[in-house]
Amino acid sequence: MRILHCFSRDRSRGLTTTNPNSTVGSVQFSIIIPVYNDWNSLSGCLRSLAKQEGSPKFEVIVVDDGSREPAPDSILEWNNRYPLSIVRQPNAGIAAARNRGIQESGGEIVVFTDADCRFQTNCLSLLGGTINSFPQHSRFQLHIVGDCSNTVGRAEELRLIAIQNQTQLGDGRIRYLNTSGFAIRNSSLSSDFVLFDPAARRAEDTLLLANLIKHGELPLFADDCIVQHSISLSFWACLLKDVRKGRIEGRTSELIQRTGVRVTMQNRGRLRMLVSTWKLARDRSIGRTAWAVLVTRQFVERTVTTVSRYLPV
């Protein structure tokens, strides 16, 4: 293993490992994955990338956002399958981690995902075809699905189906942005441009969506490019996470409000989503229990987010 020096951008800080076979200009995709203590989940994500079929060349950049422990050897071994670099930084939040990944990237296309996501085997191949077919677009939202192997995953599938169905536009774009699977042309990012607001410790993708809407730059929906969000937590662990997430997102909501763009659903939209997910739970044999889990999680997170707006920082 050796320190990476082959890309044009400065990589002198915090890089621990990379594949020595990578070369300048050889990479089309830079896959950026922020990590904070979730090395076990990351293994599944990296494994799914190793199984890509017919994909353009890609590199993987893992940004360690101040994890308590460094990457285990099992993570470092993936650099035998594709160029892999791990960049360590003091804990600064997920937005800052994604921005750091952009700074380290050398690919024509930057693809954002999370440690608990899994790429379908033909995802990058189809994404490359979609991007080549639509040169007028610079931003692409991949199709996110849930893992239906457990109740929490089926609840996530319900949520994702409803949101992505309701936010698709007639021209192929989508009024939705989820960094579990989001791609952007590197050429659209200037060297001094900050894509994600570092002040957004959570919901950084929603804030980015608000800014894109404001400037008329919605992403194209890459429907065939599927990324699975795999949740390994129990229901109760998810609720605790929702509470923590809701508290942080309450701060981000203030930043979103300053854009002057409404990105959250109004009451009528929430009611429509409630009804549609109830029907989906029946029609897709996902089950009413999954619907109840979804409603409970949404209620907890929404309540905490709303209350947090009025609490002192």
C-alpha atoms as a PDB file:
ATOM      1  CA  MET A   1       0.000   0.000   0.000  1.00  0.00           C
ATOM      2  CA  ARG A   2       1.147   3.546  -0.591  1.00  0.00           C
ATOM      3  CA  ILE A   3      -0.058   7.097  -0.135  1.00  0.00           C
ATOM      4  CA  LEU A   4      -2.034   8.358  -3.119  1.00  0.00           C
ATOM      5  CA  HIS A   5      -0.325  10.996  -5.225  1.00  0.00           C
ATOM      6  CA  CYS A   6      -1.816  10.263  -8.628  1.00  0.00           C
ATOM      7  CA  PHE A   7      -4.784  12.667  -8.704  1.00  0.00           C
ATOM      8  CA  SER A   8      -4.505  16.341  -9.486  1.00  0.00           C
ATOM      9  CA  ARG A   9      -6.013  17.573  -6.207  1.00  0.00           C
ATOM     10  CA  ASP A  10      -4.089  17.848  -2.952  1.00  0.00           C
ATOM     11  CA  ARG A  11      -4.411  14.643  -0.927  1.00  0.00           C
ATOM     12  CA  SER A  12      -1.660  15.178   1.570  1.00  0.00           C
ATOM     13  CA  ARG A  13      -3.853  15.175   4.704  1.00  0.00           C
ATOM     14  CA  GLY A  14      -5.239  12.129   6.410  1.00  0.00           C
ATOM     15  CA  LEU A  15      -5.095   9.569   3.603  1.00  0.00           C
ATOM     16  CA  THR A  16      -4.318   6.084   4.865  1.00  0.00           C
ATOM     17  CA  THR A  17      -4.494   3.760   1.891  1.00  0.00           C
ATOM     18  CA  THR A  18      -5.302   3.347  -1.781  1.00  0.00           C
ATOM     19  CA  ASN A  19      -4.983   0.927  -4.643  1.00  0.00           C
ATOM     20  CA  PRO A  20      -1.565   1.472  -6.252  1.00  0.00           C
ATOM     21  CA  ASN A  21      -2.882   0.593  -9.710  1.00  0.00           C
ATOM     22  CA  SER A  22      -5.002   3.765 -10.078  1.00  0.00           C
ATOM     23  CA  THR A  23      -3.904   6.246 -12.746  1.00  0.00           C
ATOM     24  CA  VAL A  24      -4.685   9.842 -13.656  1.00  0.00           C
ATOM     25  CA  GLY A  25      -7.766  10.228 -15.830  1.00  0.00           C
ATOM     26  CA  SER A  26      -8.725   6.542 -15.574  1.00  0.00           C
ATOM     27  CA  VAL A  27     -11.695   7.042 -13.249  1.00  0.00           C
ATOM     28  CA  GLN A  28     -15.181   8.000 -14.387  1.00  0.00           C
ATOM     29  CA  PHE A  29     -16.935   7.678 -11.016  1.00  0.00           C
ATOM     30  CA  SER A  30     -15.762   8.788  -7.581  1.00  0.00           C
ATOM     31  CA  ILE A  31     -17.926   7.057  -4.953  1.00  0.00           C
ATOM     32  CA  ILE A  32     -17.899   9.115  -1.734  1.00  0.00           C
ATOM     33  CA  ILE A  33     -18.936   7.413   1.512  1.00  0.00           C
ATOM     34  CA  PRO A  34     -18.846   9.301   4.841  1.00  0.00           C
ATOM     35  CA  VAL A  35     -18.335   7.068   7.863  1.00  0.00           C
ATOM     36  CA  TYR A  36     -18.704   7.654  11.579  1.00  0.00           C
ATOM     37  CA  ASN A  37     -18.120   4.475  13.614  1.00  0.00           C
ATOM     38  CA  ASP A  38     -20.163   2.339  11.195  1.00  0.00           C
ATOM     39  CA  TRP A  39     -17.424   0.121   9.777  1.00  0.00           C
ATOM     40  CA  ASN A  40     -19.603  -3.004   9.900  1.00  0.00           C
ATOM     41  CA  SER A  41     -22.220  -1.458   7.631  1.00  0.00           C
ATOM     42  CA  LEU A  42     -19.532  -0.162   5.300  1.00  0.00           C
ATOM     43  CA  SER A  43     -18.324  -3.691   4.542  1.00  0.00           C
ATOM     44  CA  GLY A  44     -21.654  -4.495   2.880  1.00  0.00           C
ATOM     45  CA  CYS A  45     -21.541  -1.334   0.800  1.00  0.00           C
ATOM     46  CA  LEU A  46     -18.004  -2.005  -0.402  1.00  0.00           C
ATOM     47  CA  ARG A  47     -18.941  -5.602  -1.205  1.00  0.00           C
ATOM     48  CA  SER A  48     -21.811  -4.425  -3.412  1.00  0.00           C
ATOM     49  CA  LEU A  49     -19.424  -2.143  -5.300  1.00  0.00           C
ATOM     50  CA  ALA A  50     -17.062  -5.074  -5.885  1.00  0.00           C
ATOM     51  CA  LYS A  51     -19.952  -6.934  -7.563  1.00  0.00           C
ATOM     52  CA  GLN A  52     -20.667  -4.237 -10.160  1.00  0.00           C
ATOM     53  CA  GLU A  53     -21.016  -5.650 -13.657  1.00  0.00           C
ATOM     54  CA  GLY A  54     -19.935  -3.769 -16.769  1.00  0.00           C
ATOM     55  CA  SER A  55     -19.499  -0.508 -14.891  1.00  0.00           C
ATOM     56  CA  PRO A  56     -17.160   2.340 -15.852  1.00  0.00           C
ATOM     57  CA  LYS A  57     -13.954   2.556 -13.851  1.00  0.00           C
ATOM     58  CA  PHE A  58     -14.480   3.978 -10.408  1.00  0.00           C
ATOM     59  CA  GLU A  59     -12.666   4.877  -7.219  1.00  0.00           C
ATOM     60  CA  VAL A  60     -14.080   4.738  -3.703  1.00  0.00           C
ATOM     61  CA  ILE A  61     -13.315   7.503  -1.213  1.00  0.00           C
ATOM     62  CA  VAL A  62     -14.250   6.767   2.396  1.00  0.00           C
ATOM     63  CA  VAL A  63     -14.229   9.874   4.592  1.00  0.00           C
ATOM     64  CA  ASP A  64     -13.762   8.898   8.225  1.00  0.00           C
ATOM     65  CA  ASP A  65     -15.442  11.723  10.125  1.00  0.00           C
ATOM     66  CA  GLY A  66     -13.647  11.260  13.441  1.00  0.00           C
ATOM     67  CA  SER A  67     -14.561   7.647  14.226  1.00  0.00           C
ATOM     68  CA  ARG A  68     -13.389   6.315  17.574  1.00  0.00           C
ATOM     69  CA  GLU A  69     -11.435   3.537  15.874  1.00  0.00           C
ATOM     70  CA  PRO A  70      -9.550   3.591  12.546  1.00  0.00           C
ATOM     71  CA  ALA A  71     -10.686   1.421   9.655  1.00  0.00           C
ATOM     72  CA  PRO A  72     -10.215  -2.295  10.379  1.00  0.00           C
ATOM     73  CA  ASP A  73      -8.091  -4.457   8.110  1.00  0.00           C
ATOM     74  CA  SER A  74     -11.219  -5.997   6.579  1.00  0.00           C
ATOM     75  CA  ILE A  75     -12.047  -2.584   5.093  1.00  0.00           C
ATOM     76  CA  LEU A  76      -8.541  -1.924   3.819  1.00  0.00           C
ATOM     77  CA  GLU A  77      -8.502  -5.234   1.945  1.00  0.00           C
ATOM     78  CA  TRP A  78     -11.089  -3.972  -0.552  1.00  0.00           C
ATOM     79  CA  ASN A  79      -8.374  -1.906  -2.226  1.00  0.00           C
ATOM     80  CA  ASN A  80      -7.406  -5.123  -4.015  1.00  0.00           C
ATOM     81  CA  ARG A  81     -10.683  -4.908  -5.956  1.00  0.00           C
ATOM     82  CA  TYR A  82     -10.787  -1.230  -6.891  1.00  0.00           C
ATOM     83  CA  PRO A  83      -9.005   2.041  -5.985  1.00  0.00           C
ATOM     84  CA  LEU A  84      -9.906   2.720  -2.370  1.00  0.00           C
ATOM     85  CA  SER A  85      -8.762   5.630  -0.240  1.00  0.00           C
ATOM     86  CA  ILE A  86      -9.619   6.444   3.358  1.00  0.00           C
ATOM     87  CA  VAL A  87      -9.417  10.062   4.447  1.00  0.00           C
ATOM     88  CA  ARG A  88      -9.509  10.789   8.173  1.00  0.00           C
ATOM     89  CA  GLN A  89     -10.629  14.115   9.616  1.00  0.00           C
ATOM     90  CA  PRO A  90     -11.766  15.416  13.025  1.00  0.00           C
ATOM     91  CA  ASN A  91     -15.496  15.037  13.510  1.00  0.00           C
ATOM     92  CA  ALA A  92     -17.136  17.889  11.588  1.00  0.00           C
ATOM     93  CA  GLY A  93     -20.465  16.421  10.486  1.00  0.00           C
ATOM     94  CA  ILE A  94     -21.727  14.619   7.434  1.00  0.00           C
ATOM     95  CA  ALA A  95     -21.887  17.719   5.216  1.00  0.00           C
ATOM     96  CA  ALA A  96     -18.238  18.529   5.845  1.00  0.00           C
ATOM     97  CA  ALA A  97     -17.337  14.883   5.212  1.00  0.00           C
ATOM     98  CA  ARG A  98     -19.071  14.904   1.835  1.00  0.00           C
ATOM     99  CA  ASN A  99     -17.342  18.159   0.894  1.00  0.00           C
ATOM    100  CA  ARG A 100     -13.999  16.630   1.842  1.00  0.00           C
ATOM    101  CA  GLY A 101     -14.762  13.699  -0.416  1.00  0.00           C
ATOM    102  CA  ILE A 102     -15.346  16.071  -3.328  1.00  0.00           C
ATOM    103  CA  GLN A 103     -11.954  17.661  -2.695  1.00  0.00           C
ATOM    104  CA  GLU A 104     -10.329  14.242  -2.871  1.00  0.00           C
ATOM    105  CA  SER A 105     -12.220  13.047  -5.948  1.00  0.00           C
ATOM    106  CA  GLY A 106     -10.679  12.528  -9.372  1.00  0.00           C
ATOM    107  CA  GLY A 107     -13.648  11.115 -11.286  1.00  0.00           C
ATOM    108  CA  GLU A 108     -15.768  12.826 -13.912  1.00  0.00           C
ATOM    109  CA  ILE A 109     -18.868  11.974 -11.869  1.00  0.00           C
ATOM    110  CA  VAL A 110     -19.112  12.222  -8.091  1.00  0.00           C
ATOM    111  CA  VAL A 111     -21.535   9.704  -6.570  1.00  0.00           C
ATOM    112  CA  PHE A 112     -22.643  10.090  -2.947  1.00  0.00           C
ATOM    113  CA  THR A 113     -23.885   7.210  -0.855  1.00  0.00           C
ATOM    114  CA  ASP A 114     -23.880   6.001   2.767  1.00  0.00           C
ATOM    115  CA  ALA A 115     -22.267   3.094   4.579  1.00  0.00           C
ATOM    116  CA  ASP A 116     -25.593   1.290   5.030  1.00  0.00           C
ATOM    117  CA  CYS A 117     -26.425   1.310   1.309  1.00  0.00           C
ATOM    118  CA  ARG A 118     -26.031  -1.468  -1.253  1.00  0.00           C
ATOM    119  CA  PHE A 119     -25.690  -0.958  -5.010  1.00  0.00           C
ATOM    120  CA  GLN A 120     -27.589  -3.240  -7.379  1.00  0.00           C
ATOM    121  CA  THR A 121     -25.077  -5.131  -9.526  1.00  0.00           C
ATOM    122  CA  ASN A 122     -25.849  -3.110 -12.687  1.00  0.00           C
ATOM    123  CA  CYS A 123     -26.342   0.242 -10.934  1.00  0.00           C
ATOM    124  CA  LEU A 124     -23.144   2.001 -12.021  1.00  0.00           C
ATOM    125  CA  SER A 125     -23.383   0.607 -15.543  1.00  0.00           C
ATOM    126  CA  LEU A 126     -26.913   1.967 -15.942  1.00  0.00           C
ATOM    127  CA  LEU A 127     -25.937   5.252 -14.308  1.00  0.00           C
ATOM    128  CA  GLY A 128     -23.119   5.690 -16.806  1.00  0.00           C
ATOM    129  CA  GLY A 129     -25.566   5.129 -19.663  1.00  0.00           C
ATOM    130  CA  THR A 130     -28.085   7.574 -18.214  1.00  0.00           C
ATOM    131  CA  ILE A 131     -25.477  10.283 -17.725  1.00  0.00           C
ATOM    132  CA  ASN A 132     -24.178   9.848 -21.276  1.00  0.00           C
ATOM    133  CA  SER A 133     -27.720   9.998 -22.664  1.00  0.00           C
ATOM    134  CA  PHE A 134     -28.549  13.280 -20.930  1.00  0.00           C
ATOM    135  CA  PRO A 135     -25.536  15.597 -21.347  1.00  0.00           C
ATOM    136  CA  GLN A 136     -27.748  18.600 -20.559  1.00  0.00           C
ATOM    137  CA  HIS A 137     -28.168  17.394 -16.967  1.00  0.00           C
ATOM    138  CA  SER A 138     -25.502  17.717 -14.276  1.00  0.00           C
ATOM    139  CA  ARG A 139     -27.342  16.202 -11.294  1.00  0.00           C
ATOM    140  CA  PHE A 140     -28.897  12.767 -10.971  1.00  0.00           C
ATOM    141  CA  GLN A 141     -31.009  11.218  -8.228  1.00  0.00           C
ATOM    142  CA  LEU A 142     -30.695   7.441  -8.084  1.00  0.00           C
ATOM    143  CA  HIS A 143     -33.645   5.213  -7.210  1.00  0.00           C
ATOM    144  CA  ILE A 144     -33.511   4.365  -3.493  1.00  0.00           C
ATOM    145  CA  VAL A 145     -35.317   1.279  -2.193  1.00  0.00           C
ATOM    146  CA  GLY A 146     -35.691  -0.374   1.193  1.00  0.00           C
ATOM    147  CA  ASP A 147     -34.540  -3.787   2.391  1.00  0.00           C
ATOM    148  CA  CYS A 148     -37.715  -5.838   2.796  1.00  0.00           C
ATOM    149  CA  SER A 149     -36.064  -8.631   4.785  1.00  0.00           C
ATOM    150  CA  ASN A 150     -37.344  -7.149   8.071  1.00  0.00           C
ATOM    151  CA  THR A 151     -40.185  -4.956   9.301  1.00  0.00           C
ATOM    152  CA  VAL A 152     -38.079  -1.811   9.692  1.00  0.00           C
ATOM    153  CA  GLY A 153     -36.786  -2.269   6.152  1.00  0.00           C
ATOM    154  CA  ARG A 154     -40.292  -2.752   4.776  1.00  0.00           C
ATOM    155  CA  ALA A 155     -41.368   0.455   6.518  1.00  0.00           C
ATOM    156  CA  GLU A 156     -38.456   2.237   4.838  1.00  0.00           C
ATOM    157  CA  GLU A 157     -39.535   0.773   1.492  1.00  0.00           C
ATOM    158  CA  LEU A 158     -43.028   2.187   1.993  1.00  0.00           C
ATOM    159  CA  ARG A 159     -41.631   5.619   2.768  1.00  0.00           C
ATOM    160  CA  LEU A 160     -39.303   5.670  -0.215  1.00  0.00           C
ATOM    161  CA  ILE A 161     -41.931   4.461  -2.684  1.00  0.00           C
ATOM    162  CA  ALA A 162     -44.412   7.114  -1.564  1.00  0.00           C
ATOM    163  CA  ILE A 163     -41.924   9.987  -1.590  1.00  0.00           C
ATOM    164  CA  GLN A 164     -40.348   9.148  -4.936  1.00  0.00           C
ATOM    165  CA  ASN A 165     -43.730   8.595  -6.570  1.00  0.00           C
ATOM    166  CA  GLN A 166     -45.121  11.894  -5.310  1.00  0.00           C
ATOM    167  CA  THR A 167     -42.095  14.017  -6.194  1.00  0.00           C
ATOM    168  CA  GLN A 168     -41.454  12.867  -9.775  1.00  0.00           C
ATOM    169  CA  LEU A 169     -42.121  15.522 -12.416  1.00  0.00           C
ATOM    170  CA  GLY A 170     -43.367  15.060 -15.953  1.00  0.00           C
ATOM    171  CA  ASP A 171     -40.056  16.091 -17.540  1.00  0.00           C
ATOM    172  CA  GLY A 172     -38.068  13.290 -15.882  1.00  0.00           C
ATOM    173  CA  ARG A 173     -36.727  15.382 -13.030  1.00  0.00           C
ATOM    174  CA  ILE A 174     -37.592  14.835  -9.384  1.00  0.00           C
ATOM    175  CA  ARG A 175     -38.258  17.246  -6.536  1.00  0.00           C
ATOM    176  CA  TYR A 176     -36.353  15.026  -4.142  1.00  0.00           C
ATOM    177  CA  LEU A 177     -32.732  14.534  -3.169  1.00  0.00           C
ATOM    178  CA  ASN A 178     -31.352  11.675  -1.116  1.00  0.00           C
ATOM    179  CA  THR A 179     -27.604  11.369  -0.720  1.00  0.00           C
ATOM    180  CA  SER A 180     -27.957   7.613  -0.247  1.00  0.00           C
ATOM    181  CA  GLY A 181     -27.664   7.751  -4.034  1.00  0.00           C
ATOM    182  CA  PHE A 182     -26.974  11.113  -5.669  1.00  0.00           C
ATOM    183  CA  ALA A 183     -24.582  11.914  -8.534  1.00  0.00           C
ATOM    184  CA  ILE A 184     -23.219  15.176  -9.901  1.00  0.00           C
ATOM    185  CA  ARG A 185     -20.808  16.058 -12.692  1.00  0.00           C
ATOM    186  CA  ASN A 186     -17.482  17.139 -11.259  1.00  0.00           C
ATOM    187  CA  SER A 187     -17.184  19.742 -14.020  1.00  0.00           C
ATOM    188  CA  SER A 188     -20.175  21.606 -12.535  1.00  0.00           C
ATOM    189  CA  LEU A 189     -18.266  22.167  -9.286  1.00  0.00           C
ATOM    190  CA  SER A 190     -15.701  24.960  -9.200  1.00  0.00           C
ATOM    191  CA  SER A 191     -12.646  24.566  -6.985  1.00  0.00           C
ATOM    192  CA  ASP A 192     -13.930  27.111  -4.446  1.00  0.00           C
ATOM    193  CA  PHE A 193     -17.557  25.911  -4.463  1.00  0.00           C
ATOM    194  CA  VAL A 194     -18.986  24.239  -1.329  1.00  0.00           C
ATOM    195  CA  LEU A 195     -21.799  21.866  -2.300  1.00  0.00           C
ATOM    196  CA  PHE A 196     -23.048  20.990   1.195  1.00  0.00           C
ATOM    197  CA  ASP A 197     -23.466  23.635   3.884  1.00  0.00           C
ATOM    198  CA  PRO A 198     -21.182  22.541   6.778  1.00  0.00           C
ATOM    199  CA  ALA A 199     -23.629  24.112   9.228  1.00  0.00           C
ATOM    200  CA  ALA A 200     -26.121  21.349   8.381  1.00  0.00           C
ATOM    201  CA  ARG A 201     -25.142  18.477  10.656  1.00  0.00           C
ATOM    202  CA  ARG A 202     -28.103  16.461   9.350  1.00  0.00           C
ATOM    203  CA  ALA A 203     -30.596  16.880   6.476  1.00  0.00           C
ATOM    204  CA  GLU A 204     -27.799  18.359   4.381  1.00  0.00           C
ATOM    205  CA  ASP A 205     -29.384  16.825   1.290  1.00  0.00           C
ATOM    206  CA  THR A 206     -32.722  18.547   1.980  1.00  0.00           C
ATOM    207  CA  LEU A 207     -30.943  21.889   2.308  1.00  0.00           C
ATOM    208  CA  LEU A 208     -29.123  21.221  -0.970  1.00  0.00           C
ATOM    209  CA  LEU A 209     -32.458  20.385  -2.603  1.00  0.00           C
ATOM    210  CA  ALA A 210     -33.898  23.712  -1.442  1.00  0.00           C
ATOM    211  CA  ASN A 211     -30.990  25.562  -3.030  1.00  0.00           C
ATOM    212  CA  LEU A 212     -31.323  23.573  -6.264  1.00  0.00           C
ATOM    213  CA  ILE A 213     -35.048  24.339  -6.433  1.00  0.00           C
ATOM    214  CA  LYS A 214     -34.287  28.004  -5.865  1.00  0.00           C
ATOM    215  CA  HIS A 215     -31.974  28.028  -8.893  1.00  0.00           C
ATOM    216  CA  GLY A 216     -34.109  25.742 -11.071  1.00  0.00           C
ATOM    217  CA  GLU A 217     -31.578  22.880 -11.026  1.00  0.00           C
ATOM    218  CA  LEU A 218     -33.566  19.816  -9.972  1.00  0.00           C
ATOM    219  CA  PRO A 219     -31.880  16.418 -10.496  1.00  0.00           C
ATOM    220  CA  LEU A 220     -32.883  13.980 -13.211  1.00  0.00           C
ATOM    221  CA  PHE A 221     -34.419  10.825 -11.765  1.00  0.00           C
ATOM    222  CA  ALA A 222     -32.357   7.764 -12.748  1.00  0.00           C
ATOM    223  CA  ASP A 223     -35.169   5.273 -12.152  1.00  0.00           C
ATOM    224  CA  ASP A 224     -33.232   2.171 -13.263  1.00  0.00           C
ATOM    225  CA  CYS A 225     -30.195   2.881 -11.065  1.00  0.00           C
ATOM    226  CA  ILE A 226     -31.137   1.178  -7.817  1.00  0.00           C
ATOM    227  CA  VAL A 227     -29.486   1.602  -4.428  1.00  0.00           C
ATOM    228  CA  GLN A 228     -30.851  -0.263  -1.424  1.00  0.00           C
ATOM    229  CA  HIS A 229     -30.923   1.403   1.981  1.00  0.00           C
ATOM    230  CA  SER A 230     -30.312  -1.471   4.376  1.00  0.00           C
ATOM    231  CA  ILE A 231     -31.277  -0.734   8.000  1.00  0.00           C
ATOM    232  CA  SER A 232     -29.794  -3.151  10.529  1.00  0.00           C
ATOM    233  CA  LEU A 233     -31.186  -1.412  13.638  1.00  0.00           C
ATOM    234  CA  SER A 234     -34.125  -2.668  15.674  1.00  0.00           C
ATOM    235  CA  PHE A 235     -37.346  -0.677  15.893  1.00  0.00           C
ATOM    236  CA  TRP A 236     -36.436   0.791  19.286  1.00  0.00           C
ATOM    237  CA  ALA A 237     -32.920   1.655  18.165  1.00  0.00           C
ATOM    238  CA  CYS A 238     -34.441   3.401  15.149  1.00  0.00           C
ATOM    239  CA  LEU A 239     -36.686   5.471  17.408  1.00  0.00           C
ATOM    240  CA  LEU A 240     -33.705   6.610  19.471  1.00  0.00           C
ATOM    241  CA  LYS A 241     -31.895   7.514  16.275  1.00  0.00           C
ATOM    242  CA  ASP A 242     -34.978   9.410  15.060  1.00  0.00           C
ATOM    243  CA  VAL A 243     -34.975  11.465  18.268  1.00  0.00           C
ATOM    244  CA  ARG A 244     -31.307  12.378  17.853  1.00  0.00           C
ATOM    245  CA  LYS A 245     -31.783  13.080  14.161  1.00  0.00           C
ATOM    246  CA  GLY A 246     -34.884  15.175  14.762  1.00  0.00           C
ATOM    247  CA  ARG A 247     -33.032  17.384  17.260  1.00  0.00           C
ATOM    248  CA  ILE A 248     -30.253  18.106  14.772  1.00  0.00           C
ATOM    249  CA  GLU A 249     -32.579  18.535  11.799  1.00  0.00           C
ATOM    250  CA  GLY A 250     -34.508  21.123  13.770  1.00  0.00           C
ATOM    251  CA  ARG A 251     -31.451  23.387  13.387  1.00  0.00           C
ATOM    252  CA  THR A 252     -31.105  22.622   9.694  1.00  0.00           C
ATOM    253  CA  SER A 253     -34.752  23.515   9.123  1.00  0.00           C
ATOM    254  CA  GLU A 254     -33.891  27.114  10.023  1.00  0.00           C
ATOM    255  CA  LEU A 255     -31.298  27.151   7.229  1.00  0.00           C
ATOM    256  CA  ILE A 256     -33.867  25.716   4.816  1.00  0.00           C
ATOM    257  CA  GLN A 257     -36.397  28.387   5.752  1.00  0.00           C
ATOM    258  CA  ARG A 258     -33.865  31.085   4.884  1.00  0.00           C
ATOM    259  CA  THR A 259     -33.783  29.877   1.283  1.00  0.00           C
ATOM    260  CA  GLY A 260     -37.433  30.880   0.930  1.00  0.00           C
ATOM    261  CA  VAL A 261     -38.234  27.478  -0.609  1.00  0.00           C
ATOM    262  CA  ARG A 262     -40.739  25.030   0.856  1.00  0.00           C
ATOM    263  CA  VAL A 263     -39.457  21.469   0.540  1.00  0.00           C
ATOM    264  CA  THR A 264     -41.399  19.714   3.298  1.00  0.00           C
ATOM    265  CA  MET A 265     -44.906  18.406   2.723  1.00  0.00           C
ATOM    266  CA  GLN A 266     -47.892  20.390   3.844  1.00  0.00           C
ATOM    267  CA  ASN A 267     -50.652  18.701   5.832  1.00  0.00           C
ATOM    268  CA  ARG A 268     -52.563  17.723   2.694  1.00  0.00           C
ATOM    269  CA  GLY A 269     -49.450  16.105   1.249  1.00  0.00           C
ATOM    270  CA  ARG A 270     -48.786  14.206   4.481  1.00  0.00           C
ATOM    271  CA  LEU A 271     -52.358  12.923   4.501  1.00  0.00           C
ATOM    272  CA  ARG A 272     -52.016  11.805   0.880  1.00  0.00           C
ATOM    273  CA  MET A 273     -48.785   9.986   1.759  1.00  0.00           C
ATOM    274  CA  LEU A 274     -50.468   8.364   4.764  1.00  0.00           C
ATOM    275  CA  VAL A 275     -53.250   6.996   2.564  1.00  0.00           C
ATOM    276  CA  SER A 276     -50.928   5.880  -0.246  1.00  0.00           C
ATOM    277  CA  THR A 277     -48.607   3.992   2.115  1.00  0.00           C
ATOM    278  CA  TRP A 278     -51.609   2.293   3.733  1.00  0.00           C
ATOM    279  CA  LYS A 279     -52.678   1.043   0.307  1.00  0.00           C
ATOM    280  CA  LEU A 280     -49.134   0.026  -0.605  1.00  0.00           C
ATOM    281  CA  ALA A 281     -48.847  -1.990   2.596  1.00  0.00           C
ATOM    282  CA  ARG A 282     -51.752  -4.073   1.354  1.00  0.00           C
ATOM    283  CA  ASP A 283     -51.055  -4.233  -2.385  1.00  0.00           C
ATOM    284  CA  ARG A 284     -47.347  -5.066  -2.108  1.00  0.00           C
ATOM    285  CA  SER A 285     -47.746  -7.553   0.738  1.00  0.00           C
ATOM    286  CA  ILE A 286     -45.468  -5.469   2.903  1.00  0.00           C
ATOM    287  CA  GLY A 287     -47.860  -5.621   5.814  1.00  0.00           C
ATOM    288  CA  ARG A 288     -49.733  -3.260   8.089  1.00  0.00           C
ATOM    289  CA  THR A 289     -47.115  -3.657  10.809  1.00  0.00           C
ATOM    290  CA  ALA A 290     -44.568  -1.993   8.545  1.00  0.00           C
ATOM    291  CA  TRP A 291     -47.032   0.850   7.970  1.00  0.00           C
ATOM    292  CA  ALA A 292     -47.461   1.286  11.740  1.00  0.00           C
ATOM    293  CA  VAL A 293     -43.663   1.376  12.172  1.00  0.00           C
ATOM    294  CA  LEU A 294     -43.379   4.012   9.450  1.00  0.00           C
ATOM    295  CA  VAL A 295     -46.092   6.224  10.932  1.00  0.00           C
ATOM    296  CA  THR A 296     -44.592   5.968  14.421  1.00  0.00           C
ATOM    297  CA  ARG A 297     -41.094   6.856  13.232  1.00  0.00           C
ATOM    298  CA  GLN A 298     -42.347   9.755  11.136  1.00  0.00           C
ATOM    299  CA  PHE A 299     -44.404  11.119  14.039  1.00  0.00           C
ATOM    300  CA  VAL A 300     -41.483  10.930  16.482  1.00  0.00           C
ATOM    301  CA  GLU A 301     -38.995  12.563  14.141  1.00  0.00           C
ATOM    302  CA  ARG A 302     -41.419  15.281  13.009  1.00  0.00           C
ATOM    303  CA  THR A 303     -42.383  16.111  16.601  1.00  0.00           C
ATOM    304  CA  VAL A 304     -38.780  16.333  17.793  1.00  0.00           C
ATOM    305  CA  THR A 305     -37.749  18.389  14.751  1.00  0.00           C
ATOM    306  CA  THR A 306     -40.578  20.877  15.335  1.00  0.00           C
ATOM    307  CA  VAL A 307     -39.881  21.246  19.042  1.00  0.00           C
ATOM    308  CA  SER A 308     -36.124  21.622  18.462  1.00  0.00           C
ATOM    309  CA  ARG A 309     -36.676  24.739  16.386  1.00  0.00           C
ATOM    310  CA  TYR A 310     -37.691  26.611  19.521  1.00  0.00           C
ATOM    311  CA  LEU A 311     -35.055  25.287  21.890  1.00  0.00           C
ATOM    312  CA  PRO A 312     -31.861  27.243  22.592  1.00  0.00           C
ATOM    313  CA  VAL A 313     -28.771  25.979  20.792  1.00  0.00           C
END
